[in-house]
C-alpha cells in the first residue's frame, strides 16, 4: 500500500497558507514573506528597499497571531523601535521579515499608513 503522504510530496505544490491584510485574504506559500505574497497576489503594500528589512515602509500592526510569530531580529526590532514614535512597537512587524509557516495561518495584519514628511 502506498503512503498518501509520500505520493503528495512527490512534486505536488506545497499547500497554500492564508493570512489577512487590511481584512483581505492573501494566500502564501510556506516560507514566503508576507510582502512577497502580497506582491504576488497584487495586494498593495508599500516597500522602498524591496524586502531587505531596512526601510520600514512595509510595517504592519499584528492584530491577531502575534504569539505565533518568532521574535524579530535585532535589526528589525531596532528599526521598529525607531519608527514607533510612542506607539507600541511590540505589536508591529515588517511584512518583509515575516516568513509564513503553518502556525501563522490566519494571521491578521493591518498595514501601517505612511505619513508624508512635512
N, C-alpha and C. Protein backbone atom coordinates (compact mmCIF):
# COMPACT_ATOMS: atom_id res chain seq x y z
N UNK A 1 0.84 -1.18 0.00
CA UNK A 1 0.00 0.00 0.00
C UNK A 1 0.89 1.24 0.00
N UNK A 2 0.54 2.21 -0.84
CA UNK A 2 1.32 3.44 -0.95
C UNK A 2 0.86 4.42 0.12
N UNK A 3 1.83 5.02 0.78
CA UNK A 3 1.53 6.05 1.79
C UNK A 3 1.08 7.32 1.06
N UNK A 4 -0.11 7.81 1.38
CA UNK A 4 -0.64 9.01 0.73
C UNK A 4 0.30 10.19 0.87
N UNK A 5 0.98 10.32 2.01
CA UNK A 5 1.89 11.43 2.24
C UNK A 5 3.03 11.44 1.23
N UNK A 6 3.63 10.28 1.00
CA UNK A 6 4.75 10.23 0.06
C UNK A 6 4.28 10.52 -1.36
N UNK A 7 3.06 10.12 -1.69
CA UNK A 7 2.55 10.40 -3.02
C UNK A 7 2.33 11.90 -3.20
N UNK A 8 1.89 12.57 -2.16
CA UNK A 8 1.64 14.00 -2.25
C UNK A 8 2.93 14.80 -2.31
N UNK A 9 3.99 14.30 -1.68
CA UNK A 9 5.23 15.07 -1.64
C UNK A 9 6.09 14.83 -2.86
N UNK A 10 5.62 14.08 -3.82
CA UNK A 10 6.43 13.73 -4.97
C UNK A 10 6.40 14.77 -6.07
N UNK A 11 6.16 16.00 -5.76
CA UNK A 11 6.16 17.03 -6.78
C UNK A 11 4.94 17.92 -6.75
N UNK A 12 3.97 17.57 -5.94
CA UNK A 12 2.81 18.44 -5.81
C UNK A 12 3.25 19.75 -5.17
N UNK A 13 2.63 20.85 -5.56
CA UNK A 13 3.00 22.12 -4.92
C UNK A 13 2.61 22.10 -3.44
N UNK A 14 3.34 22.84 -2.61
CA UNK A 14 3.00 22.87 -1.19
C UNK A 14 1.63 23.51 -0.96
N UNK A 15 1.00 23.11 0.11
CA UNK A 15 -0.31 23.68 0.45
C UNK A 15 -0.15 25.18 0.72
N UNK A 16 -1.08 25.95 0.22
CA UNK A 16 -1.04 27.39 0.43
C UNK A 16 -1.53 27.73 1.84
N UNK A 17 -0.96 28.77 2.39
CA UNK A 17 -1.33 29.27 3.71
C UNK A 17 -2.09 30.57 3.51
N UNK A 18 -2.95 30.91 4.45
CA UNK A 18 -3.75 32.13 4.31
C UNK A 18 -3.50 33.07 5.48
N UNK A 19 -3.33 34.35 5.17
CA UNK A 19 -3.29 35.40 6.18
C UNK A 19 -4.16 36.54 5.68
N UNK A 20 -4.37 37.53 6.51
CA UNK A 20 -5.25 38.65 6.16
C UNK A 20 -4.50 39.97 6.31
N UNK A 21 -4.59 40.81 5.30
CA UNK A 21 -4.01 42.15 5.35
C UNK A 21 -5.12 43.14 5.09
N UNK A 22 -5.34 44.02 6.03
CA UNK A 22 -6.42 45.01 5.94
C UNK A 22 -7.77 44.34 5.66
N UNK A 23 -7.96 43.14 6.21
CA UNK A 23 -9.21 42.42 6.06
C UNK A 23 -9.30 41.55 4.81
N UNK A 24 -8.36 41.70 3.88
CA UNK A 24 -8.39 40.91 2.65
C UNK A 24 -7.56 39.64 2.81
N UNK A 25 -8.11 38.52 2.38
CA UNK A 25 -7.40 37.25 2.47
C UNK A 25 -6.31 37.20 1.40
N UNK A 26 -5.11 36.75 1.81
CA UNK A 26 -3.98 36.61 0.89
C UNK A 26 -3.42 35.21 1.08
N UNK A 27 -3.15 34.51 -0.01
CA UNK A 27 -2.55 33.18 0.07
C UNK A 27 -1.05 33.27 -0.08
N UNK A 28 -0.35 32.45 0.67
CA UNK A 28 1.10 32.45 0.69
C UNK A 28 1.63 31.04 0.61
N UNK A 29 2.79 30.89 0.01
CA UNK A 29 3.49 29.61 0.03
C UNK A 29 4.26 29.53 1.34
N UNK A 30 4.46 28.34 1.89
CA UNK A 30 5.27 28.20 3.11
C UNK A 30 6.67 28.79 2.88
N UNK A 31 7.12 29.61 3.84
CA UNK A 31 8.43 30.22 3.76
C UNK A 31 8.45 31.54 3.02
N UNK A 32 7.39 31.87 2.32
CA UNK A 32 7.31 33.12 1.58
C UNK A 32 7.04 34.27 2.55
N UNK A 33 7.66 35.41 2.31
CA UNK A 33 7.40 36.56 3.19
C UNK A 33 6.01 37.13 2.91
N UNK A 34 5.46 37.77 3.91
CA UNK A 34 4.16 38.42 3.76
C UNK A 34 4.23 39.44 2.62
N UNK A 35 5.31 40.20 2.55
CA UNK A 35 5.47 41.20 1.50
C UNK A 35 5.46 40.53 0.12
N UNK A 36 6.23 39.47 -0.05
CA UNK A 36 6.30 38.78 -1.34
C UNK A 36 4.94 38.19 -1.73
N UNK A 37 4.22 37.64 -0.75
CA UNK A 37 2.90 37.08 -1.03
C UNK A 37 1.94 38.18 -1.49
N UNK A 38 2.01 39.34 -0.84
CA UNK A 38 1.16 40.46 -1.23
C UNK A 38 1.49 40.92 -2.64
N UNK A 39 2.78 41.03 -2.94
CA UNK A 39 3.19 41.46 -4.29
C UNK A 39 2.72 40.46 -5.33
N UNK A 40 2.88 39.17 -5.05
CA UNK A 40 2.46 38.13 -6.00
C UNK A 40 0.95 38.16 -6.21
N UNK A 41 0.20 38.46 -5.15
CA UNK A 41 -1.26 38.46 -5.22
C UNK A 41 -1.84 39.79 -5.71
N UNK A 42 -0.98 40.79 -5.92
CA UNK A 42 -1.47 42.08 -6.37
C UNK A 42 -2.09 42.93 -5.28
N UNK A 43 -1.75 42.62 -4.02
CA UNK A 43 -2.27 43.39 -2.88
C UNK A 43 -1.25 44.47 -2.54
N UNK A 44 -1.69 45.70 -2.52
CA UNK A 44 -0.77 46.82 -2.31
C UNK A 44 -0.22 46.84 -0.88
N UNK A 45 1.10 46.87 -0.80
CA UNK A 45 1.80 47.04 0.46
C UNK A 45 3.10 47.75 0.12
N UNK A 46 3.33 48.87 0.77
CA UNK A 46 4.47 49.73 0.44
C UNK A 46 5.80 49.04 0.70
N UNK A 47 6.77 49.37 -0.13
CA UNK A 47 8.15 48.95 0.09
C UNK A 47 9.06 49.92 -0.65
N UNK A 48 10.19 50.19 -0.07
CA UNK A 48 11.20 51.03 -0.71
C UNK A 48 12.46 50.20 -0.93
N UNK A 49 12.78 49.37 0.04
CA UNK A 49 14.04 48.59 0.00
C UNK A 49 13.86 47.23 -0.67
N UNK A 50 12.69 46.95 -1.21
CA UNK A 50 12.40 45.70 -1.91
C UNK A 50 12.57 44.46 -1.04
N UNK A 51 12.19 44.58 0.23
CA UNK A 51 12.17 43.42 1.11
C UNK A 51 13.45 43.13 1.85
N UNK A 52 14.36 44.10 1.93
CA UNK A 52 15.62 43.87 2.63
C UNK A 52 15.53 44.21 4.12
N UNK A 53 14.38 44.73 4.57
CA UNK A 53 14.19 44.99 6.00
C UNK A 53 14.90 46.22 6.52
N UNK A 54 15.13 47.21 5.66
CA UNK A 54 15.87 48.39 6.12
C UNK A 54 15.11 49.71 6.00
N UNK A 55 13.94 49.69 5.36
CA UNK A 55 13.23 50.97 5.16
C UNK A 55 12.05 51.16 6.10
N UNK A 56 11.40 50.09 6.48
CA UNK A 56 10.24 50.19 7.37
C UNK A 56 8.94 50.52 6.67
N UNK A 57 8.95 50.66 5.36
CA UNK A 57 7.73 51.03 4.63
C UNK A 57 6.67 49.94 4.70
N UNK A 58 7.07 48.69 4.86
CA UNK A 58 6.10 47.58 4.89
C UNK A 58 5.67 47.24 6.32
N UNK A 59 5.82 48.19 7.22
CA UNK A 59 5.44 47.94 8.61
C UNK A 59 3.96 47.63 8.72
N UNK A 60 3.65 46.62 9.50
CA UNK A 60 2.26 46.22 9.73
C UNK A 60 2.03 46.09 11.23
N UNK A 61 0.78 46.29 11.62
CA UNK A 61 0.37 46.04 13.01
C UNK A 61 -0.25 44.65 13.05
N UNK A 62 0.18 43.84 13.98
CA UNK A 62 -0.34 42.48 14.11
C UNK A 62 -1.58 42.56 14.99
N UNK A 63 -2.72 42.23 14.39
CA UNK A 63 -3.99 42.28 15.11
C UNK A 63 -4.36 40.94 15.72
N UNK A 64 -3.90 39.85 15.13
CA UNK A 64 -4.14 38.52 15.66
C UNK A 64 -3.02 37.60 15.20
N UNK A 65 -2.52 36.79 16.12
CA UNK A 65 -1.47 35.84 15.79
C UNK A 65 -0.08 36.25 16.25
N UNK A 66 0.01 37.30 17.04
CA UNK A 66 1.32 37.79 17.49
C UNK A 66 2.10 36.71 18.24
N UNK A 67 1.40 35.92 19.04
CA UNK A 67 2.07 34.88 19.83
C UNK A 67 2.71 33.79 18.96
N UNK A 68 2.19 33.61 17.75
CA UNK A 68 2.72 32.58 16.86
C UNK A 68 3.97 33.04 16.09
N UNK A 69 4.19 34.34 16.07
CA UNK A 69 5.35 34.87 15.33
C UNK A 69 6.64 34.67 16.10
N UNK A 70 7.71 34.32 15.41
CA UNK A 70 9.00 34.30 16.10
C UNK A 70 9.41 35.73 16.43
N UNK A 71 10.30 35.92 17.38
CA UNK A 71 10.69 37.30 17.72
C UNK A 71 11.41 37.96 16.55
N UNK A 72 11.33 39.27 16.48
CA UNK A 72 12.04 39.97 15.39
C UNK A 72 13.55 39.88 15.59
N UNK A 73 14.27 40.00 14.49
CA UNK A 73 15.73 40.05 14.58
C UNK A 73 16.12 41.34 15.30
N UNK A 74 17.35 41.43 15.71
CA UNK A 74 17.83 42.63 16.39
C UNK A 74 17.68 43.86 15.50
N UNK A 75 18.03 43.73 14.22
CA UNK A 75 17.91 44.87 13.29
C UNK A 75 16.45 45.28 13.09
N UNK A 76 15.57 44.29 12.94
CA UNK A 76 14.14 44.60 12.78
C UNK A 76 13.61 45.28 14.04
N UNK A 77 13.96 44.77 15.22
CA UNK A 77 13.50 45.36 16.48
C UNK A 77 13.97 46.81 16.62
N UNK A 78 15.22 47.07 16.26
CA UNK A 78 15.75 48.44 16.34
C UNK A 78 14.99 49.38 15.41
N UNK A 79 14.75 48.94 14.17
CA UNK A 79 14.02 49.77 13.21
C UNK A 79 12.59 50.01 13.67
N UNK A 80 11.93 48.98 14.17
CA UNK A 80 10.56 49.14 14.66
C UNK A 80 10.50 50.09 15.84
N UNK A 81 11.46 49.99 16.74
CA UNK A 81 11.50 50.90 17.89
C UNK A 81 11.69 52.35 17.42
N UNK A 82 12.56 52.54 16.45
CA UNK A 82 12.80 53.88 15.91
C UNK A 82 11.54 54.44 15.24
N UNK A 83 10.83 53.59 14.49
CA UNK A 83 9.65 54.03 13.76
C UNK A 83 8.42 54.21 14.65
N UNK A 84 8.41 53.58 15.82
CA UNK A 84 7.21 53.56 16.67
C UNK A 84 6.79 54.94 17.13
N UNK A 85 7.73 55.77 17.51
CA UNK A 85 7.42 57.14 17.96
C UNK A 85 6.22 57.17 18.91
N UNK A 86 6.34 56.45 20.02
CA UNK A 86 5.29 56.47 21.04
C UNK A 86 4.25 55.39 20.88
N UNK A 87 4.24 54.68 19.76
CA UNK A 87 3.29 53.57 19.59
C UNK A 87 3.89 52.33 20.23
N UNK A 88 3.08 51.31 20.34
CA UNK A 88 3.55 50.04 20.89
C UNK A 88 4.31 49.28 19.81
N UNK A 89 5.63 49.38 19.84
CA UNK A 89 6.48 48.74 18.83
C UNK A 89 6.36 47.22 18.89
N UNK A 90 5.93 46.66 20.01
CA UNK A 90 5.85 45.21 20.16
C UNK A 90 4.76 44.58 19.30
N UNK A 91 3.78 45.37 18.88
CA UNK A 91 2.69 44.83 18.05
C UNK A 91 2.92 45.10 16.57
N UNK A 92 4.06 45.68 16.22
CA UNK A 92 4.39 45.97 14.83
C UNK A 92 5.50 45.05 14.34
N UNK A 93 5.44 44.72 13.06
CA UNK A 93 6.48 43.92 12.41
C UNK A 93 6.67 44.44 10.99
N UNK A 94 7.76 44.04 10.36
CA UNK A 94 7.98 44.34 8.96
C UNK A 94 7.46 43.16 8.15
N UNK A 95 6.60 43.43 7.19
CA UNK A 95 6.00 42.36 6.39
C UNK A 95 7.05 41.57 5.62
N UNK A 96 8.14 42.22 5.27
CA UNK A 96 9.20 41.52 4.53
C UNK A 96 9.98 40.56 5.40
N UNK A 97 9.84 40.67 6.71
CA UNK A 97 10.58 39.81 7.62
C UNK A 97 9.74 38.69 8.23
N UNK A 98 8.46 38.65 7.89
CA UNK A 98 7.58 37.58 8.38
C UNK A 98 7.54 36.49 7.33
N UNK A 99 8.15 35.34 7.63
CA UNK A 99 8.12 34.19 6.73
C UNK A 99 6.93 33.32 7.13
N UNK A 100 6.01 33.13 6.21
CA UNK A 100 4.81 32.39 6.52
C UNK A 100 5.10 30.92 6.80
N UNK A 101 4.42 30.40 7.79
CA UNK A 101 4.51 29.00 8.20
C UNK A 101 3.11 28.56 8.60
N UNK A 102 2.91 27.27 8.69
CA UNK A 102 1.59 26.75 9.01
C UNK A 102 1.04 27.34 10.31
N UNK A 103 1.92 27.56 11.29
CA UNK A 103 1.49 28.11 12.57
C UNK A 103 0.96 29.54 12.44
N UNK A 104 1.26 30.21 11.33
CA UNK A 104 0.83 31.60 11.13
C UNK A 104 -0.44 31.71 10.29
N UNK A 105 -1.00 30.58 9.88
CA UNK A 105 -2.24 30.61 9.11
C UNK A 105 -3.30 31.36 9.92
N UNK A 106 -3.98 32.29 9.27
CA UNK A 106 -4.99 33.10 9.95
C UNK A 106 -4.43 34.39 10.54
N UNK A 107 -3.14 34.63 10.39
CA UNK A 107 -2.51 35.86 10.88
C UNK A 107 -3.28 37.07 10.34
N UNK A 108 -3.56 38.02 11.21
CA UNK A 108 -4.30 39.23 10.80
C UNK A 108 -3.41 40.44 10.99
N UNK A 109 -3.21 41.17 9.88
CA UNK A 109 -2.31 42.32 9.86
C UNK A 109 -3.03 43.55 9.33
N UNK A 110 -2.58 44.69 9.78
CA UNK A 110 -3.09 45.97 9.28
C UNK A 110 -1.88 46.77 8.81
N UNK A 111 -1.90 47.19 7.55
CA UNK A 111 -0.78 47.98 7.02
C UNK A 111 -0.71 49.31 7.75
N UNK A 112 0.48 49.71 8.08
CA UNK A 112 0.68 50.99 8.76
C UNK A 112 0.65 52.09 7.72
N UNK A 113 -0.16 53.12 7.96
CA UNK A 113 -0.21 54.21 6.96
C UNK A 113 1.13 54.96 6.90
N UNK A 114 1.50 55.31 5.70
CA UNK A 114 2.72 56.08 5.50
C UNK A 114 2.35 57.55 5.56
N UNK A 115 2.95 58.25 6.49
CA UNK A 115 2.68 59.68 6.67
C UNK A 115 3.77 60.45 5.94
N UNK A 116 3.39 61.30 4.99
CA UNK A 116 4.40 62.07 4.28
C UNK A 116 5.14 63.02 5.23
N UNK A 117 6.42 63.19 4.95
CA UNK A 117 7.21 64.13 5.77
C UNK A 117 6.73 65.53 5.51
N UNK A 118 6.66 66.32 6.59
CA UNK A 118 6.20 67.71 6.41
C UNK A 118 7.35 68.68 6.51
